[in-house]
């Protein structure tokens, strides 16, 4: 009987403590603390990665990729400024927006990283094709890789548009309770979910 009673109490505590922790607002406080500790670190790492990618894309002659690294750098700077001025140190922050926007930004960087890899592949195929321009296999590979690059760059344009649209709405919101009702938030969440499923 004692063991059964102890098991029941332990199970009840396991189920209720997390709920009480969340209801008391500690979970949100933990999330805000995490945001403060990670934001600057993430920002600097992402900017450094973009500088490297811009140089690689420039060396490969992929002008659209270079333009995208510069645009994403501007988006990251704007996002970081908003987080620092509006949210850090505040009790309430729109964690859904902040974490979702960050996931989408990281996915865009991964896309640019993939563009660099595809660019090297295209350069290699071109060198082979220069030696034998009748090789149909190489021509097919080149078309496939070119299409993959176009798809990556097109996806990034969609990501940038969603990030920009949502950021504009965020800048105009006066109440934290309105964040979950952003018209563009659903699109941003959808893009983030796609990024998660693709393993980015």
C-alpha atoms as a PDB file:
ATOM      1  CA  UNK A   1       0.000   0.000   0.000  1.00  0.00           C
ATOM      2  CA  UNK A   2       2.794   2.388   0.914  1.00  0.00           C
ATOM      3  CA  UNK A   3       4.634   1.682  -2.328  1.00  0.00           C
ATOM      4  CA  UNK A   4       1.436   2.230  -4.320  1.00  0.00           C
ATOM      5  CA  UNK A   5       0.752   5.503  -2.504  1.00  0.00           C
ATOM      6  CA  UNK A   6       4.327   6.663  -3.059  1.00  0.00           C
ATOM      7  CA  UNK A   7       4.103   5.779  -6.762  1.00  0.00           C
ATOM      8  CA  UNK A   8       0.841   7.706  -7.097  1.00  0.00           C
ATOM      9  CA  UNK A   9       2.306  10.790  -5.384  1.00  0.00           C
ATOM     10  CA  UNK A  10       5.446  10.606  -7.542  1.00  0.00           C
ATOM     11  CA  UNK A  11       3.399  10.322 -10.727  1.00  0.00           C
ATOM     12  CA  UNK A  12       1.192  13.239  -9.683  1.00  0.00           C
ATOM     13  CA  UNK A  13       4.223  15.389  -8.935  1.00  0.00           C
ATOM     14  CA  UNK A  14       5.807  14.484 -12.274  1.00  0.00           C
ATOM     15  CA  UNK A  15       2.705  15.619 -14.110  1.00  0.00           C
ATOM     16  CA  UNK A  16       1.828  18.721 -12.086  1.00  0.00           C
ATOM     17  CA  UNK A  17       5.221  20.328 -11.409  1.00  0.00           C
ATOM     18  CA  UNK A  18       5.919  21.218 -15.077  1.00  0.00           C
ATOM     19  CA  UNK A  19       2.390  22.581 -15.441  1.00  0.00           C
ATOM     20  CA  UNK A  20       2.692  24.686 -12.282  1.00  0.00           C
ATOM     21  CA  UNK A  21       6.134  25.851 -13.416  1.00  0.00           C
ATOM     22  CA  UNK A  22       4.653  27.076 -16.694  1.00  0.00           C
ATOM     23  CA  UNK A  23       1.575  28.623 -15.056  1.00  0.00           C
ATOM     24  CA  UNK A  24       3.766  30.520 -12.610  1.00  0.00           C
ATOM     25  CA  UNK A  25       5.564  32.120 -15.544  1.00  0.00           C
ATOM     26  CA  UNK A  26       8.956  30.518 -14.926  1.00  0.00           C
ATOM     27  CA  UNK A  27       9.077  28.915 -18.380  1.00  0.00           C
ATOM     28  CA  UNK A  28       8.690  32.281 -20.093  1.00  0.00           C
ATOM     29  CA  UNK A  29      11.331  33.770 -17.810  1.00  0.00           C
ATOM     30  CA  UNK A  30      13.692  30.938 -18.737  1.00  0.00           C
ATOM     31  CA  UNK A  31      13.015  31.536 -22.428  1.00  0.00           C
ATOM     32  CA  UNK A  32      13.736  35.254 -22.093  1.00  0.00           C
ATOM     33  CA  UNK A  33      16.963  34.508 -20.202  1.00  0.00           C
ATOM     34  CA  UNK A  34      17.975  32.050 -22.934  1.00  0.00           C
ATOM     35  CA  UNK A  35      17.208  34.673 -25.577  1.00  0.00           C
ATOM     36  CA  UNK A  36      19.448  37.193 -23.864  1.00  0.00           C
ATOM     37  CA  UNK A  37      22.352  34.773 -23.514  1.00  0.00           C
ATOM     38  CA  UNK A  38      22.143  33.385 -27.043  1.00  0.00           C
ATOM     39  CA  UNK A  39      21.126  36.357 -29.177  1.00  0.00           C
ATOM     40  CA  UNK A  40      24.482  38.149 -29.465  1.00  0.00           C
ATOM     41  CA  UNK A  41      26.382  34.887 -29.863  1.00  0.00           C
ATOM     42  CA  UNK A  42      24.072  33.661 -32.630  1.00  0.00           C
ATOM     43  CA  UNK A  43      24.140  37.038 -34.343  1.00  0.00           C
ATOM     44  CA  UNK A  44      27.937  37.217 -34.500  1.00  0.00           C
ATOM     45  CA  UNK A  45      28.290  33.625 -35.715  1.00  0.00           C
ATOM     46  CA  UNK A  46      25.721  34.118 -38.459  1.00  0.00           C
ATOM     47  CA  UNK A  47      27.293  37.378 -39.643  1.00  0.00           C
ATOM     48  CA  UNK A  48      30.742  35.758 -39.752  1.00  0.00           C
ATOM     49  CA  UNK A  49      29.344  32.855 -41.772  1.00  0.00           C
ATOM     50  CA  UNK A  50      27.728  35.267 -44.235  1.00  0.00           C
ATOM     51  CA  UNK A  51      31.032  37.113 -44.739  1.00  0.00           C
ATOM     52  CA  UNK A  52      32.687  33.798 -45.625  1.00  0.00           C
ATOM     53  CA  UNK A  53      29.829  32.787 -47.925  1.00  0.00           C
ATOM     54  CA  UNK A  54      29.869  36.152 -49.690  1.00  0.00           C
ATOM     55  CA  UNK A  55      33.569  35.722 -50.505  1.00  0.00           C
ATOM     56  CA  UNK A  56      33.023  32.177 -51.764  1.00  0.00           C
ATOM     57  CA  UNK A  57      30.037  33.148 -53.902  1.00  0.00           C
ATOM     58  CA  UNK A  58      31.946  36.114 -55.307  1.00  0.00           C
ATOM     59  CA  UNK A  59      34.872  33.864 -56.248  1.00  0.00           C
ATOM     60  CA  UNK A  60      32.456  31.516 -58.014  1.00  0.00           C
ATOM     61  CA  UNK A  61      30.854  34.423 -59.880  1.00  0.00           C
ATOM     62  CA  UNK A  62      27.371  33.773 -58.460  1.00  0.00           C
ATOM     63  CA  UNK A  63      26.115  37.358 -58.351  1.00  0.00           C
ATOM     64  CA  UNK A  64      22.613  36.543 -57.102  1.00  0.00           C
ATOM     65  CA  UNK A  65      24.163  34.625 -54.194  1.00  0.00           C
ATOM     66  CA  UNK A  66      26.361  37.602 -53.319  1.00  0.00           C
ATOM     67  CA  UNK A  67      23.323  39.913 -53.369  1.00  0.00           C
ATOM     68  CA  UNK A  68      21.450  37.496 -51.119  1.00  0.00           C
ATOM     69  CA  UNK A  69      24.241  37.377 -48.543  1.00  0.00           C
ATOM     70  CA  UNK A  70      24.162  41.168 -48.361  1.00  0.00           C
ATOM     71  CA  UNK A  71      20.388  41.281 -48.071  1.00  0.00           C
ATOM     72  CA  UNK A  72      20.366  38.604 -45.377  1.00  0.00           C
ATOM     73  CA  UNK A  73      23.082  40.494 -43.489  1.00  0.00           C
ATOM     74  CA  UNK A  74      20.828  43.563 -43.465  1.00  0.00           C
ATOM     75  CA  UNK A  75      17.866  41.444 -42.305  1.00  0.00           C
ATOM     76  CA  UNK A  76      19.956  39.976 -39.474  1.00  0.00           C
ATOM     77  CA  UNK A  77      21.145  43.418 -38.382  1.00  0.00           C
ATOM     78  CA  UNK A  78      17.578  44.743 -38.323  1.00  0.00           C
ATOM     79  CA  UNK A  79      16.346  41.690 -36.394  1.00  0.00           C
ATOM     80  CA  UNK A  80      19.169  42.019 -33.859  1.00  0.00           C
ATOM     81  CA  UNK A  81      18.425  45.715 -33.335  1.00  0.00           C
ATOM     82  CA  UNK A  82      14.731  44.998 -32.748  1.00  0.00           C
ATOM     83  CA  UNK A  83      15.532  42.221 -30.259  1.00  0.00           C
ATOM     84  CA  UNK A  84      17.993  44.421 -28.359  1.00  0.00           C
ATOM     85  CA  UNK A  85      15.807  47.517 -28.212  1.00  0.00           C
ATOM     86  CA  UNK A  86      12.337  46.029 -27.794  1.00  0.00           C
ATOM     87  CA  UNK A  87      12.694  42.649 -26.133  1.00  0.00           C
ATOM     88  CA  UNK A  88      15.897  42.099 -24.149  1.00  0.00           C
ATOM     89  CA  UNK A  89      15.337  42.699 -20.455  1.00  0.00           C
ATOM     90  CA  UNK A  90      11.557  42.683 -20.871  1.00  0.00           C
ATOM     91  CA  UNK A  91       9.400  40.264 -18.923  1.00  0.00           C
ATOM     92  CA  UNK A  92       7.245  39.463 -21.933  1.00  0.00           C
ATOM     93  CA  UNK A  93       8.655  38.723 -25.375  1.00  0.00           C
ATOM     94  CA  UNK A  94       7.038  37.198 -28.471  1.00  0.00           C
ATOM     95  CA  UNK A  95       9.058  33.989 -28.291  1.00  0.00           C
ATOM     96  CA  UNK A  96       7.105  32.350 -31.127  1.00  0.00           C
ATOM     97  CA  UNK A  97       8.090  35.129 -33.522  1.00  0.00           C
ATOM     98  CA  UNK A  98      11.681  35.433 -32.317  1.00  0.00           C
ATOM     99  CA  UNK A  99      12.521  31.727 -32.432  1.00  0.00           C
ATOM    100  CA  UNK A 100      10.671  31.165 -35.722  1.00  0.00           C
ATOM    101  CA  UNK A 101      12.392  34.106 -37.409  1.00  0.00           C
ATOM    102  CA  UNK A 102      15.767  32.814 -36.251  1.00  0.00           C
ATOM    103  CA  UNK A 103      15.078  29.321 -37.641  1.00  0.00           C
ATOM    104  CA  UNK A 104      14.109  30.784 -41.015  1.00  0.00           C
ATOM    105  CA  UNK A 105      17.261  32.969 -41.054  1.00  0.00           C
ATOM    106  CA  UNK A 106      19.445  29.932 -40.364  1.00  0.00           C
ATOM    107  CA  UNK A 107      17.692  28.000 -43.115  1.00  0.00           C
ATOM    108  CA  UNK A 108      18.451  30.818 -45.570  1.00  0.00           C
ATOM    109  CA  UNK A 109      22.139  30.649 -44.592  1.00  0.00           C
ATOM    110  CA  UNK A 110      22.145  26.887 -45.140  1.00  0.00           C
ATOM    111  CA  UNK A 111      20.618  27.459 -48.577  1.00  0.00           C
ATOM    112  CA  UNK A 112      23.460  29.835 -49.429  1.00  0.00           C
ATOM    113  CA  UNK A 113      25.945  27.253 -48.170  1.00  0.00           C
ATOM    114  CA  UNK A 114      24.327  24.735 -50.531  1.00  0.00           C
ATOM    115  CA  UNK A 115      24.569  27.267 -53.374  1.00  0.00           C
ATOM    116  CA  UNK A 116      28.334  27.416 -52.788  1.00  0.00           C
ATOM    117  CA  UNK A 117      28.542  23.611 -52.968  1.00  0.00           C
ATOM    118  CA  UNK A 118      26.471  23.570 -56.169  1.00  0.00           C
ATOM    119  CA  UNK A 119      28.637  26.362 -57.594  1.00  0.00           C
ATOM    120  CA  UNK A 120      31.773  24.263 -57.082  1.00  0.00           C
ATOM    121  CA  UNK A 121      30.003  21.320 -58.694  1.00  0.00           C
ATOM    122  CA  UNK A 122      29.053  23.425 -61.723  1.00  0.00           C
ATOM    123  CA  UNK A 123      32.632  24.687 -62.034  1.00  0.00           C
ATOM    124  CA  UNK A 124      33.911  21.113 -61.968  1.00  0.00           C
ATOM    125  CA  UNK A 125      31.383  20.028 -64.597  1.00  0.00           C
ATOM    126  CA  UNK A 126      32.320  22.999 -66.778  1.00  0.00           C
ATOM    127  CA  UNK A 127      35.998  22.044 -66.659  1.00  0.00           C
ATOM    128  CA  UNK A 128      35.123  18.506 -67.702  1.00  0.00           C
ATOM    129  CA  UNK A 129      32.755  19.751 -70.397  1.00  0.00           C
ATOM    130  CA  UNK A 130      35.443  22.038 -71.817  1.00  0.00           C
ATOM    131  CA  UNK A 131      37.507  18.941 -72.525  1.00  0.00           C
ATOM    132  CA  UNK A 132      34.578  17.020 -74.017  1.00  0.00           C
ATOM    133  CA  UNK A 133      31.505  19.074 -74.840  1.00  0.00           C
ATOM    134  CA  UNK A 134      29.718  16.057 -76.352  1.00  0.00           C
ATOM    135  CA  UNK A 135      29.344  14.254 -73.017  1.00  0.00           C
ATOM    136  CA  UNK A 136      25.558  14.081 -72.538  1.00  0.00           C
ATOM    137  CA  UNK A 137      25.874  12.843 -68.954  1.00  0.00           C
ATOM    138  CA  UNK A 138      27.834  15.965 -67.986  1.00  0.00           C
ATOM    139  CA  UNK A 139      25.340  18.193 -69.765  1.00  0.00           C
ATOM    140  CA  UNK A 140      22.473  16.560 -67.860  1.00  0.00           C
ATOM    141  CA  UNK A 141      24.342  16.956 -64.575  1.00  0.00           C
ATOM    142  CA  UNK A 142      24.983  20.612 -65.359  1.00  0.00           C
ATOM    143  CA  UNK A 143      21.286  21.252 -66.064  1.00  0.00           C
ATOM    144  CA  UNK A 144      20.255  19.453 -62.875  1.00  0.00           C
ATOM    145  CA  UNK A 145      22.729  21.387 -60.746  1.00  0.00           C
ATOM    146  CA  UNK A 146      21.754  24.694 -62.342  1.00  0.00           C
ATOM    147  CA  UNK A 147      18.112  23.957 -61.569  1.00  0.00           C
ATOM    148  CA  UNK A 148      18.995  23.102 -57.967  1.00  0.00           C
ATOM    149  CA  UNK A 149      20.820  26.405 -57.577  1.00  0.00           C
ATOM    150  CA  UNK A 150      17.882  28.325 -59.039  1.00  0.00           C
ATOM    151  CA  UNK A 151      15.512  26.560 -56.625  1.00  0.00           C
ATOM    152  CA  UNK A 152      17.693  27.416 -53.614  1.00  0.00           C
ATOM    153  CA  UNK A 153      17.942  31.072 -54.597  1.00  0.00           C
ATOM    154  CA  UNK A 154      14.205  31.252 -55.303  1.00  0.00           C
ATOM    155  CA  UNK A 155      13.409  29.726 -51.913  1.00  0.00           C
ATOM    156  CA  UNK A 156      15.637  32.300 -50.235  1.00  0.00           C
ATOM    157  CA  UNK A 157      13.783  35.138 -51.947  1.00  0.00           C
ATOM    158  CA  UNK A 158      10.564  33.737 -50.449  1.00  0.00           C
ATOM    159  CA  UNK A 159      12.186  33.466 -47.016  1.00  0.00           C
ATOM    160  CA  UNK A 160      13.447  37.053 -47.189  1.00  0.00           C
ATOM    161  CA  UNK A 161      10.015  38.328 -48.184  1.00  0.00           C
ATOM    162  CA  UNK A 162       8.346  36.519 -45.274  1.00  0.00           C
ATOM    163  CA  UNK A 163      10.967  37.745 -42.794  1.00  0.00           C
ATOM    164  CA  UNK A 164      10.652  41.326 -44.000  1.00  0.00           C
ATOM    165  CA  UNK A 165       6.843  41.347 -44.026  1.00  0.00           C
ATOM    166  CA  UNK A 166       6.649  39.913 -40.510  1.00  0.00           C
ATOM    167  CA  UNK A 167       9.312  42.296 -39.198  1.00  0.00           C
ATOM    168  CA  UNK A 168       7.313  45.266 -40.503  1.00  0.00           C
ATOM    169  CA  UNK A 169       4.205  44.016 -38.698  1.00  0.00           C
ATOM    170  CA  UNK A 170       6.204  43.420 -35.507  1.00  0.00           C
ATOM    171  CA  UNK A 171       7.527  46.988 -35.614  1.00  0.00           C
ATOM    172  CA  UNK A 172       3.958  48.309 -35.717  1.00  0.00           C
ATOM    173  CA  UNK A 173       2.535  46.208 -32.876  1.00  0.00           C
ATOM    174  CA  UNK A 174       1.939  47.891 -29.548  1.00  0.00           C
ATOM    175  CA  UNK A 175       0.651  44.940 -27.512  1.00  0.00           C
ATOM    176  CA  UNK A 176       2.472  41.660 -26.853  1.00  0.00           C
ATOM    177  CA  UNK A 177      -0.835  39.813 -27.011  1.00  0.00           C
ATOM    178  CA  UNK A 178      -1.109  40.746 -30.695  1.00  0.00           C
ATOM    179  CA  UNK A 179       1.992  38.865 -31.812  1.00  0.00           C
ATOM    180  CA  UNK A 180       0.272  35.523 -32.197  1.00  0.00           C
ATOM    181  CA  UNK A 181      -2.327  37.122 -34.477  1.00  0.00           C
ATOM    182  CA  UNK A 182       0.115  38.513 -37.018  1.00  0.00           C
ATOM    183  CA  UNK A 183      -1.194  38.016 -40.544  1.00  0.00           C
ATOM    184  CA  UNK A 184       2.259  37.019 -41.787  1.00  0.00           C
ATOM    185  CA  UNK A 185       3.155  34.847 -38.791  1.00  0.00           C
ATOM    186  CA  UNK A 186       1.425  31.770 -40.235  1.00  0.00           C
ATOM    187  CA  UNK A 187       3.536  31.990 -43.379  1.00  0.00           C
ATOM    188  CA  UNK A 188       6.718  32.386 -41.345  1.00  0.00           C
ATOM    189  CA  UNK A 189       5.808  29.368 -39.189  1.00  0.00           C
ATOM    190  CA  UNK A 190       5.038  27.337 -42.308  1.00  0.00           C
ATOM    191  CA  UNK A 191       8.446  28.171 -43.806  1.00  0.00           C
ATOM    192  CA  UNK A 192      10.124  27.300 -40.518  1.00  0.00           C
ATOM    193  CA  UNK A 193       8.387  23.920 -40.465  1.00  0.00           C
ATOM    194  CA  UNK A 194       9.506  23.232 -44.023  1.00  0.00           C
ATOM    195  CA  UNK A 195      13.073  24.088 -42.992  1.00  0.00           C
ATOM    196  CA  UNK A 196      12.842  21.697 -40.019  1.00  0.00           C
ATOM    197  CA  UNK A 197      11.538  18.865 -42.166  1.00  0.00           C
ATOM    198  CA  UNK A 198      14.323  19.354 -44.716  1.00  0.00           C
ATOM    199  CA  UNK A 199      16.901  18.922 -41.959  1.00  0.00           C
ATOM    200  CA  UNK A 200      18.343  22.450 -42.252  1.00  0.00           C
END
